[in-house]
N, C-alpha and C. Protein backbone atom coordinates (compact mmCIF):
# COMPACT_ATOMS: atom_id res chain seq x y z
N MET A 1 -38.26 18.08 8.31
CA MET A 1 -38.55 17.35 9.55
C MET A 1 -37.61 18.33 10.63
N LYS A 2 -38.53 18.64 11.82
CA LYS A 2 -37.94 19.16 12.86
C LYS A 2 -37.02 18.64 13.46
N SER A 3 -36.44 19.22 14.12
CA SER A 3 -34.84 18.58 14.58
C SER A 3 -35.35 17.83 16.25
N ARG A 4 -35.35 16.96 16.96
CA ARG A 4 -35.77 16.63 18.72
C ARG A 4 -34.15 16.78 19.14
N LEU A 5 -34.57 17.21 20.38
CA LEU A 5 -33.71 17.60 21.27
C LEU A 5 -33.27 16.18 22.48
N PHE A 6 -31.94 15.94 22.97
CA PHE A 6 -32.34 15.25 23.09
C PHE A 6 -31.33 15.66 24.84
N ASN A 7 -31.16 15.07 25.87
CA ASN A 7 -30.79 15.13 27.35
C ASN A 7 -29.36 14.77 27.32
N ILE A 8 -28.43 15.12 27.53
CA ILE A 8 -26.86 14.30 27.93
C ILE A 8 -26.67 14.46 28.86
N ARG A 9 -26.81 13.37 29.82
CA ARG A 9 -26.08 13.59 31.64
C ARG A 9 -24.70 12.39 31.63
N LEU A 10 -24.02 12.85 32.27
CA LEU A 10 -23.04 12.03 32.52
C LEU A 10 -23.23 11.58 33.80
N SER A 11 -22.78 10.27 33.73
CA SER A 11 -22.78 9.68 35.36
C SER A 11 -21.19 9.06 35.41
N PHE A 12 -20.46 8.26 36.17
CA PHE A 12 -19.74 7.42 37.08
C PHE A 12 -20.28 6.10 37.42
N GLU A 13 -19.19 5.42 37.25
CA GLU A 13 -19.04 3.67 37.91
C GLU A 13 -18.53 3.42 39.31
N ILE A 14 -18.49 3.26 40.12
CA ILE A 14 -17.08 3.26 40.92
C ILE A 14 -17.42 1.55 41.16
N THR A 15 -15.56 1.25 40.73
CA THR A 15 -15.83 -0.65 40.32
C THR A 15 -14.33 -0.75 40.35
N GLU A 16 -14.22 -1.93 40.80
CA GLU A 16 -13.07 -2.47 41.36
C GLU A 16 -12.53 -3.31 40.37
N ASN A 17 -11.54 -2.44 39.61
CA ASN A 17 -10.38 -2.82 38.47
C ASN A 17 -11.32 -3.72 37.44
N LYS A 18 -12.39 -3.66 36.90
CA LYS A 18 -13.58 -4.29 35.85
C LYS A 18 -12.57 -3.86 35.13
N SER A 19 -12.98 -4.32 33.56
CA SER A 19 -12.51 -4.06 32.56
C SER A 19 -13.06 -3.00 31.91
N GLU A 20 -11.96 -2.11 31.32
CA GLU A 20 -12.74 -0.76 31.06
C GLU A 20 -13.47 -0.77 29.47
N GLY A 21 -13.84 -1.72 28.80
CA GLY A 21 -14.63 -1.97 28.13
C GLY A 21 -13.97 -1.46 26.57
N PHE A 22 -14.68 -1.40 25.57
CA PHE A 22 -14.50 -0.63 24.49
C PHE A 22 -14.58 1.38 24.39
N PHE A 23 -15.28 1.71 24.88
CA PHE A 23 -14.92 2.95 24.82
C PHE A 23 -14.91 3.83 26.13
N LEU A 24 -14.58 5.13 26.16
CA LEU A 24 -14.03 5.77 27.17
C LEU A 24 -15.55 6.25 27.86
N LEU A 25 -16.20 6.58 27.19
CA LEU A 25 -17.59 7.31 27.64
C LEU A 25 -18.48 5.93 27.30
N LYS A 26 -19.20 5.37 28.75
CA LYS A 26 -19.93 4.18 28.97
C LYS A 26 -21.38 4.44 28.23
N ASN A 27 -21.80 3.87 27.45
CA ASN A 27 -23.44 3.64 27.72
C ASN A 27 -23.93 3.14 27.04
N ASP A 28 -25.19 2.45 27.22
CA ASP A 28 -25.63 1.04 27.01
C ASP A 28 -26.20 1.16 25.57
N LEU A 29 -26.38 2.18 25.25
CA LEU A 29 -27.28 2.19 23.94
C LEU A 29 -25.95 2.24 22.76
N ILE A 30 -24.85 2.30 22.95
CA ILE A 30 -23.43 2.50 22.34
C ILE A 30 -22.90 1.27 22.12
N SER A 31 -23.05 0.90 23.42
CA SER A 31 -22.28 -0.55 23.50
C SER A 31 -23.23 -1.80 23.02
N LEU A 32 -24.65 -1.64 22.95
CA LEU A 32 -25.79 -2.16 22.66
C LEU A 32 -25.29 -2.32 20.67
N LEU A 33 -25.15 -1.50 20.27
CA LEU A 33 -24.79 -0.91 18.61
C LEU A 33 -23.65 -1.66 18.32
N ASP A 34 -22.62 -1.09 18.80
CA ASP A 34 -21.52 -1.96 18.81
C ASP A 34 -21.48 -3.27 19.17
N ALA A 35 -21.74 -3.91 19.49
CA ALA A 35 -22.17 -5.18 19.54
C ALA A 35 -22.62 -5.73 18.65
N ILE A 36 -23.97 -5.29 18.22
CA ILE A 36 -24.78 -6.12 17.23
C ILE A 36 -23.60 -5.79 15.77
N GLN A 37 -22.94 -4.78 15.78
CA GLN A 37 -22.22 -4.20 14.48
C GLN A 37 -21.06 -5.56 14.44
N ARG A 38 -20.53 -5.30 15.77
CA ARG A 38 -19.15 -6.76 15.59
C ARG A 38 -19.98 -7.99 15.22
N THR A 39 -20.76 -8.17 15.84
CA THR A 39 -21.57 -10.02 16.11
C THR A 39 -22.00 -9.77 14.63
N GLY A 40 -22.83 -9.46 14.30
CA GLY A 40 -23.96 -9.40 13.22
C GLY A 40 -24.97 -9.74 13.45
N SER A 41 -25.29 -9.77 14.81
CA SER A 41 -26.08 -10.79 15.49
C SER A 41 -26.87 -10.43 16.74
N ILE A 42 -28.60 -9.89 16.52
CA ILE A 42 -28.83 -9.54 18.25
C ILE A 42 -28.65 -10.30 18.96
N LYS A 43 -28.45 -11.87 18.68
CA LYS A 43 -28.40 -12.88 20.07
C LYS A 43 -27.23 -13.06 20.20
N ALA A 44 -26.26 -13.03 19.37
CA ALA A 44 -24.56 -12.70 19.72
C ALA A 44 -24.75 -11.86 20.60
N ALA A 45 -24.74 -10.76 20.01
CA ALA A 45 -24.55 -8.95 21.04
C ALA A 45 -24.97 -9.01 22.47
N ALA A 46 -26.03 -9.88 22.61
CA ALA A 46 -26.76 -10.35 23.92
C ALA A 46 -25.79 -11.13 24.85
N GLU A 47 -25.61 -12.41 24.02
CA GLU A 47 -24.92 -12.87 24.59
C GLU A 47 -23.61 -12.44 25.24
N GLU A 48 -22.85 -11.95 24.36
CA GLU A 48 -21.88 -10.46 24.66
C GLU A 48 -21.56 -9.77 25.69
N LEU A 49 -22.90 -9.42 26.32
CA LEU A 49 -22.74 -8.74 26.90
C LEU A 49 -24.05 -8.84 28.21
N GLY A 50 -24.07 -10.25 28.04
CA GLY A 50 -24.25 -10.90 29.51
C GLY A 50 -25.89 -10.63 29.74
N TYR A 51 -26.82 -10.63 28.56
CA TYR A 51 -28.25 -10.12 28.79
C TYR A 51 -29.06 -11.52 28.11
N SER A 52 -30.49 -11.56 27.87
CA SER A 52 -31.16 -12.21 27.44
C SER A 52 -31.47 -12.05 26.24
N PHE A 53 -31.55 -12.50 25.01
CA PHE A 53 -31.71 -12.22 23.74
C PHE A 53 -33.48 -11.08 23.85
N ARG A 54 -34.28 -11.57 24.99
CA ARG A 54 -36.04 -11.06 25.05
C ARG A 54 -35.37 -9.13 25.51
N HIS A 55 -34.16 -9.63 26.69
CA HIS A 55 -33.83 -8.18 27.27
C HIS A 55 -33.26 -7.15 26.49
N ILE A 56 -32.59 -7.52 24.96
CA ILE A 56 -31.96 -6.59 24.20
C ILE A 56 -32.89 -6.41 23.34
N TRP A 57 -33.74 -7.12 22.75
CA TRP A 57 -35.11 -7.20 21.95
C TRP A 57 -35.65 -6.35 22.37
N ASN A 58 -35.95 -5.71 23.51
CA ASN A 58 -37.01 -5.05 24.30
C ASN A 58 -35.83 -3.77 24.53
N GLU A 59 -34.66 -3.35 25.10
CA GLU A 59 -33.99 -2.36 24.62
C GLU A 59 -34.19 -1.52 23.07
N LEU A 60 -33.46 -2.26 22.47
CA LEU A 60 -34.02 -1.66 21.55
C LEU A 60 -35.13 -1.57 20.70
N ASN A 61 -36.67 -1.94 20.80
CA ASN A 61 -37.92 -1.69 20.80
C ASN A 61 -37.72 -0.13 21.53
N LYS A 62 -37.40 0.32 23.16
CA LYS A 62 -37.59 1.02 23.70
C LYS A 62 -37.21 2.49 22.97
N TRP A 63 -35.45 2.09 22.38
CA TRP A 63 -34.61 3.05 21.91
C TRP A 63 -35.35 3.46 20.41
N GLU A 64 -35.97 2.43 20.02
CA GLU A 64 -36.83 2.41 18.66
C GLU A 64 -37.85 3.95 18.53
N GLU A 65 -38.46 3.42 19.65
CA GLU A 65 -39.53 4.19 20.00
C GLU A 65 -38.96 5.67 20.52
N GLU A 66 -38.20 5.72 21.41
CA GLU A 66 -37.65 6.93 21.93
C GLU A 66 -36.91 7.64 20.88
N LEU A 67 -36.23 7.35 19.73
CA LEU A 67 -35.70 7.88 19.14
C LEU A 67 -36.53 8.01 17.99
N GLY A 68 -38.06 7.54 17.61
CA GLY A 68 -38.32 7.83 16.29
C GLY A 68 -38.30 6.69 15.12
N GLN A 69 -37.00 6.46 15.17
CA GLN A 69 -36.77 5.81 14.09
C GLN A 69 -35.78 4.31 14.22
N SER A 70 -35.66 3.21 13.16
CA SER A 70 -35.35 2.28 12.83
C SER A 70 -33.85 2.52 14.08
N LEU A 71 -33.23 1.66 14.51
CA LEU A 71 -31.86 1.39 14.93
C LEU A 71 -31.24 0.13 14.01
N VAL A 72 -31.80 -0.82 14.18
CA VAL A 72 -31.60 -2.16 13.52
C VAL A 72 -32.83 -2.79 12.39
N ASN A 73 -32.01 -3.16 11.10
CA ASN A 73 -33.21 -3.41 9.90
C ASN A 73 -32.60 -5.02 10.23
N ARG A 74 -34.21 -5.23 10.65
CA ARG A 74 -34.00 -6.51 11.29
C ARG A 74 -35.03 -7.94 10.40
N SER A 75 -34.36 -8.90 10.00
CA SER A 75 -34.99 -9.77 8.69
C SER A 75 -34.51 -11.26 9.25
N ARG A 76 -35.83 -12.24 9.22
CA ARG A 76 -35.20 -13.33 9.96
C ARG A 76 -34.06 -14.05 8.61
N GLY A 77 -33.52 -14.96 9.29
CA GLY A 77 -32.15 -15.54 8.89
C GLY A 77 -31.22 -14.63 8.05
N LYS A 78 -31.32 -13.73 8.54
CA LYS A 78 -30.30 -12.33 7.77
C LYS A 78 -29.09 -12.02 9.54
N ASN A 79 -28.12 -11.46 8.96
CA ASN A 79 -27.71 -10.67 9.84
C ASN A 79 -28.31 -9.57 9.87
N ALA A 80 -28.19 -8.80 11.51
CA ALA A 80 -28.61 -7.82 11.62
C ALA A 80 -27.60 -6.75 11.37
N GLU A 81 -28.69 -5.69 10.87
CA GLU A 81 -27.85 -4.29 10.08
C GLU A 81 -27.93 -3.24 10.63
N LEU A 82 -27.26 -2.60 11.01
CA LEU A 82 -27.67 -1.46 11.90
C LEU A 82 -27.74 -0.60 10.82
N SER A 83 -29.41 0.89 11.21
CA SER A 83 -29.55 1.46 10.68
C SER A 83 -28.65 2.54 9.91
N LEU A 84 -28.78 3.91 9.45
CA LEU A 84 -28.29 4.40 9.27
C LEU A 84 -27.89 5.43 10.21
N LEU A 85 -29.15 5.57 11.57
CA LEU A 85 -29.06 6.48 12.46
C LEU A 85 -27.72 5.50 13.12
N ALA A 86 -28.50 4.53 13.28
CA ALA A 86 -27.72 3.57 14.68
C ALA A 86 -25.83 3.85 13.57
N GLU A 87 -25.62 3.91 12.30
CA GLU A 87 -24.11 4.02 12.39
C GLU A 87 -24.01 5.94 12.99
N GLN A 88 -24.68 6.57 12.21
CA GLN A 88 -24.07 7.54 12.89
C GLN A 88 -23.82 7.67 14.36
N LEU A 89 -24.56 7.01 15.06
CA LEU A 89 -24.46 7.05 16.47
C LEU A 89 -23.37 6.71 16.73
N LEU A 90 -22.75 5.40 16.63
CA LEU A 90 -21.92 4.97 16.71
C LEU A 90 -20.43 6.33 16.68
N TRP A 91 -20.49 6.43 14.89
CA TRP A 91 -19.49 7.08 14.85
C TRP A 91 -19.52 8.69 15.34
N THR A 92 -20.56 9.14 15.87
CA THR A 92 -20.35 10.06 16.75
C THR A 92 -19.81 9.94 18.31
N ASN A 93 -19.99 8.90 18.51
CA ASN A 93 -19.52 8.47 19.95
C ASN A 93 -17.84 8.11 19.65
N LYS A 94 -17.49 8.05 18.86
CA LYS A 94 -15.61 7.75 18.69
C LYS A 94 -15.48 9.30 18.63
N GLU A 95 -16.44 9.84 17.16
CA GLU A 95 -15.87 11.26 17.37
C GLU A 95 -15.68 11.98 18.65
N VAL A 96 -16.70 12.02 19.53
CA VAL A 96 -16.48 12.56 20.92
C VAL A 96 -15.60 12.32 21.39
N GLU A 97 -15.63 10.72 21.79
CA GLU A 97 -14.22 10.17 22.29
C GLU A 97 -12.94 11.05 21.82
N ALA A 98 -12.80 10.91 20.43
CA ALA A 98 -11.66 11.50 20.50
C ALA A 98 -11.26 12.54 20.20
N LYS A 99 -12.44 13.34 20.22
CA LYS A 99 -11.97 15.19 20.36
C LYS A 99 -11.95 15.61 21.70
N TYR A 100 -12.51 14.48 22.87
CA TYR A 100 -12.24 14.71 24.50
C TYR A 100 -11.94 14.02 25.33
N LYS A 101 -10.88 13.16 24.31
CA LYS A 101 -10.27 12.16 24.95
C LYS A 101 -9.65 12.69 26.18
N GLU A 102 -8.38 13.97 25.99
CA GLU A 102 -7.47 14.06 26.80
C GLU A 102 -8.40 14.54 28.60
N GLN A 103 -9.22 15.24 27.84
CA GLN A 103 -10.05 15.92 29.03
C GLN A 103 -11.14 14.78 29.87
N ILE A 104 -11.18 13.46 29.03
CA ILE A 104 -12.20 12.46 29.47
C ILE A 104 -11.36 11.57 30.41
N ILE A 105 -10.02 11.84 29.92
CA ILE A 105 -9.09 10.48 30.88
C ILE A 105 -8.89 11.02 31.83
N GLU A 106 -8.23 12.58 31.78
CA GLU A 106 -8.59 13.93 33.04
C GLU A 106 -9.35 14.15 34.34
N LEU A 107 -10.39 13.82 33.86
CA LEU A 107 -11.67 13.94 34.94
C LEU A 107 -11.70 12.47 35.70
N GLN A 108 -11.94 11.46 34.26
CA GLN A 108 -12.10 10.39 35.41
C GLN A 108 -10.90 9.49 36.58
N SER A 109 -9.66 10.33 36.06
CA SER A 109 -8.17 10.28 37.11
C SER A 109 -8.72 11.10 38.49
N GLY A 110 -9.21 12.36 38.14
CA GLY A 110 -9.64 13.01 39.34
C GLY A 110 -10.57 12.70 40.11
N ILE A 111 -11.65 11.80 39.77
CA ILE A 111 -12.86 11.37 39.93
C ILE A 111 -12.40 10.36 40.92
N SER A 112 -11.54 9.25 40.11
CA SER A 112 -10.64 8.32 40.78
C SER A 112 -10.26 8.69 41.95
N TYR A 113 -9.19 9.76 41.78
CA TYR A 113 -8.43 10.30 42.98
C TYR A 113 -8.99 10.82 44.24
N SER A 114 -10.09 11.34 43.80
CA SER A 114 -11.13 11.92 44.83
C SER A 114 -11.94 10.75 45.78
N PHE A 115 -12.35 10.02 44.95
CA PHE A 115 -13.32 8.65 45.68
C PHE A 115 -11.70 7.83 46.46
N ARG A 116 -10.95 7.78 45.95
CA ARG A 116 -9.83 6.96 46.66
C ARG A 116 -9.43 7.78 48.10
N LYS A 117 -9.15 9.15 48.25
CA LYS A 117 -8.97 9.68 49.07
C LYS A 117 -10.42 9.16 50.17
N ALA A 118 -11.40 9.60 49.54
CA ALA A 118 -12.61 9.08 50.36
C ALA A 118 -12.57 7.97 51.21
N PHE A 119 -12.36 6.95 50.42
CA PHE A 119 -11.91 5.27 50.82
C PHE A 119 -11.10 5.15 51.94
N ASN A 120 -10.03 6.33 52.13
CA ASN A 120 -8.19 5.95 52.55
C ASN A 120 -8.10 7.40 52.64
N SER A 121 -8.42 7.63 54.10
CA SER A 121 -7.86 9.30 53.96
C SER A 121 -6.25 8.85 53.98
N ALA A 122 -5.58 7.99 54.75
CA ALA A 122 -4.27 7.96 55.18
C ALA A 122 -3.80 7.81 53.60
N TRP A 123 -4.30 7.50 52.32
CA TRP A 123 -4.14 7.36 51.18
C TRP A 123 -3.25 8.21 50.73
N ASP A 124 -1.88 7.98 50.59
CA ASP A 124 -1.15 9.39 49.76
C ASP A 124 0.29 8.45 48.71
N PRO A 125 -0.58 8.53 47.53
CA PRO A 125 0.34 7.54 46.52
C PRO A 125 1.55 8.63 46.14
N ILE A 126 2.07 8.06 45.31
CA ILE A 126 3.37 8.28 44.44
C ILE A 126 2.52 9.59 43.14
N VAL A 127 2.71 10.55 42.96
CA VAL A 127 2.04 10.89 41.88
C VAL A 127 2.76 11.28 40.82
N ILE A 128 2.38 11.19 39.14
CA ILE A 128 2.79 11.13 38.20
C ILE A 128 2.12 11.58 37.53
N GLU A 129 2.19 12.62 36.32
CA GLU A 129 2.02 13.34 35.54
C GLU A 129 2.13 13.04 34.32
N GLY A 130 1.56 12.90 33.41
CA GLY A 130 2.12 12.94 32.21
C GLY A 130 1.06 12.29 31.06
N CYS A 131 1.30 12.23 30.24
CA CYS A 131 0.43 11.39 28.80
C CYS A 131 -0.27 10.07 29.11
N ALA A 132 -1.41 9.75 28.77
CA ALA A 132 -2.37 8.48 28.53
C ALA A 132 -1.48 7.96 27.98
N ASP A 133 -0.46 6.83 28.52
CA ASP A 133 0.19 5.58 27.68
C ASP A 133 0.12 4.70 28.91
N SER A 134 0.07 3.71 27.71
CA SER A 134 -0.32 2.41 28.24
C SER A 134 1.51 1.79 29.21
N ALA A 135 2.44 2.58 29.50
CA ALA A 135 3.13 2.21 29.97
C ALA A 135 2.69 2.16 30.87
N LEU A 136 2.30 3.60 31.10
CA LEU A 136 1.64 4.51 32.91
C LEU A 136 1.17 3.33 33.41
N ASN A 137 -0.18 2.60 32.85
CA ASN A 137 -1.28 2.23 33.09
C ASN A 137 -0.16 0.64 33.43
N LEU A 138 0.54 0.12 32.83
CA LEU A 138 1.44 -0.69 33.56
C LEU A 138 2.19 -0.46 34.76
N LEU A 139 2.65 0.29 35.08
CA LEU A 139 3.67 0.98 35.93
C LEU A 139 2.86 0.34 37.21
N ARG A 140 1.24 1.15 37.48
CA ARG A 140 0.43 0.88 38.08
C ARG A 140 0.29 -0.31 38.84
N ARG A 141 -0.12 -1.05 37.44
CA ARG A 141 -0.86 -2.63 37.54
C ARG A 141 0.89 -3.53 38.05
N THR A 142 1.88 -3.41 38.25
CA THR A 142 3.04 -4.41 38.34
C THR A 142 3.47 -3.72 39.61
N THR A 143 3.33 -2.85 40.03
CA THR A 143 4.52 -1.74 41.62
C THR A 143 3.42 -2.57 42.55
N ASP A 144 4.67 -2.25 43.50
CA ASP A 144 3.48 -2.58 44.90
C ASP A 144 3.71 -1.20 45.68
N CYS A 145 4.00 -0.20 45.02
CA CYS A 145 3.76 1.12 45.37
C CYS A 145 2.45 2.01 45.06
N GLU A 146 1.43 2.44 46.11
CA GLU A 146 0.26 3.19 45.17
C GLU A 146 0.71 4.19 44.74
N ILE A 147 0.16 4.37 43.51
CA ILE A 147 0.81 5.33 42.60
C ILE A 147 -0.82 5.85 41.71
N GLU A 148 -0.67 7.33 42.15
CA GLU A 148 -1.76 8.12 41.12
C GLU A 148 -1.06 8.57 39.92
N LEU A 149 -1.87 8.30 38.89
CA LEU A 149 -1.38 9.01 37.65
C LEU A 149 -2.27 10.00 37.05
N ASN A 150 -2.29 11.22 36.75
CA ASN A 150 -2.82 12.41 36.34
C ASN A 150 -2.40 12.25 34.71
N PHE A 151 -3.11 11.45 34.41
CA PHE A 151 -3.42 11.56 32.67
C PHE A 151 -3.51 13.42 31.97
N THR A 152 -2.91 13.99 31.84
CA THR A 152 -2.52 15.14 31.06
C THR A 152 -1.48 15.44 29.27
N THR A 153 -1.62 16.75 29.06
CA THR A 153 -0.79 16.68 27.80
C THR A 153 0.65 16.85 27.82
N SER A 154 1.73 16.60 27.33
CA SER A 154 2.64 17.14 27.36
C SER A 154 3.08 17.58 27.92
N ARG A 155 2.75 18.89 27.26
CA ARG A 155 3.31 20.19 27.80
C ARG A 155 2.61 20.35 29.36
N LYS A 156 1.60 20.19 29.55
CA LYS A 156 1.11 20.20 31.34
C LYS A 156 2.26 19.29 31.90
N GLY A 157 2.59 18.18 31.87
CA GLY A 157 2.73 17.19 32.23
C GLY A 157 4.86 17.89 32.88
N LEU A 158 5.28 18.15 31.73
CA LEU A 158 6.17 19.04 31.50
C LEU A 158 6.48 19.92 32.93
N GLU A 159 5.21 20.94 32.82
CA GLU A 159 4.69 22.34 33.53
C GLU A 159 5.20 21.63 34.61
N ALA A 160 4.29 20.37 35.05
CA ALA A 160 3.87 20.07 36.43
C ALA A 160 5.41 19.55 37.25
N LEU A 161 6.39 19.06 36.12
CA LEU A 161 7.50 18.80 36.19
C LEU A 161 8.62 19.78 37.06
N ARG A 162 8.21 20.72 36.35
CA ARG A 162 8.99 21.65 36.42
C ARG A 162 8.59 22.58 37.64
N ALA A 163 7.73 22.46 37.92
CA ALA A 163 6.78 23.36 39.22
C ALA A 163 7.48 22.43 40.35
N LYS A 164 7.33 21.30 39.82
CA LYS A 164 8.02 20.10 41.17
C LYS A 164 9.59 20.42 41.38
N MET A 165 10.48 21.36 40.62
CA MET A 165 12.02 21.45 40.77
C MET A 165 12.09 22.68 41.63
């Protein structure tokens, strides 16, 4: 069987403190497959994602046509089960996120910083270099100071600290 090539495009959203969701990299197909896998139902997945059943059904049909393979084994009266391809797509997304987590978080932080400066040129935050740690996110949410977190590796964080001394 001939391997098909697909384009990967990265994009970003500018949102006001919305929930991050389950994945570092947001992809509508991955979110849909994950919801179906977790809920066991196309209807429940549609409700969780805030779409109509028909919309989700149409999206699945569109993706199956595009990929040339079934994504969900659909049987009346039974839970929706993901096909082998759909399970592989979910696994691959988790693998990519694990492999590139540091770079993804660093990229998100850099883009966020640039756009915050664009919205408010007088913005002058306290900059903290560090690892992706829930304590740093808690600090950002609970302080009155403007804090910009630059997530990086432990080594890079120590090097940044040393450079400031």
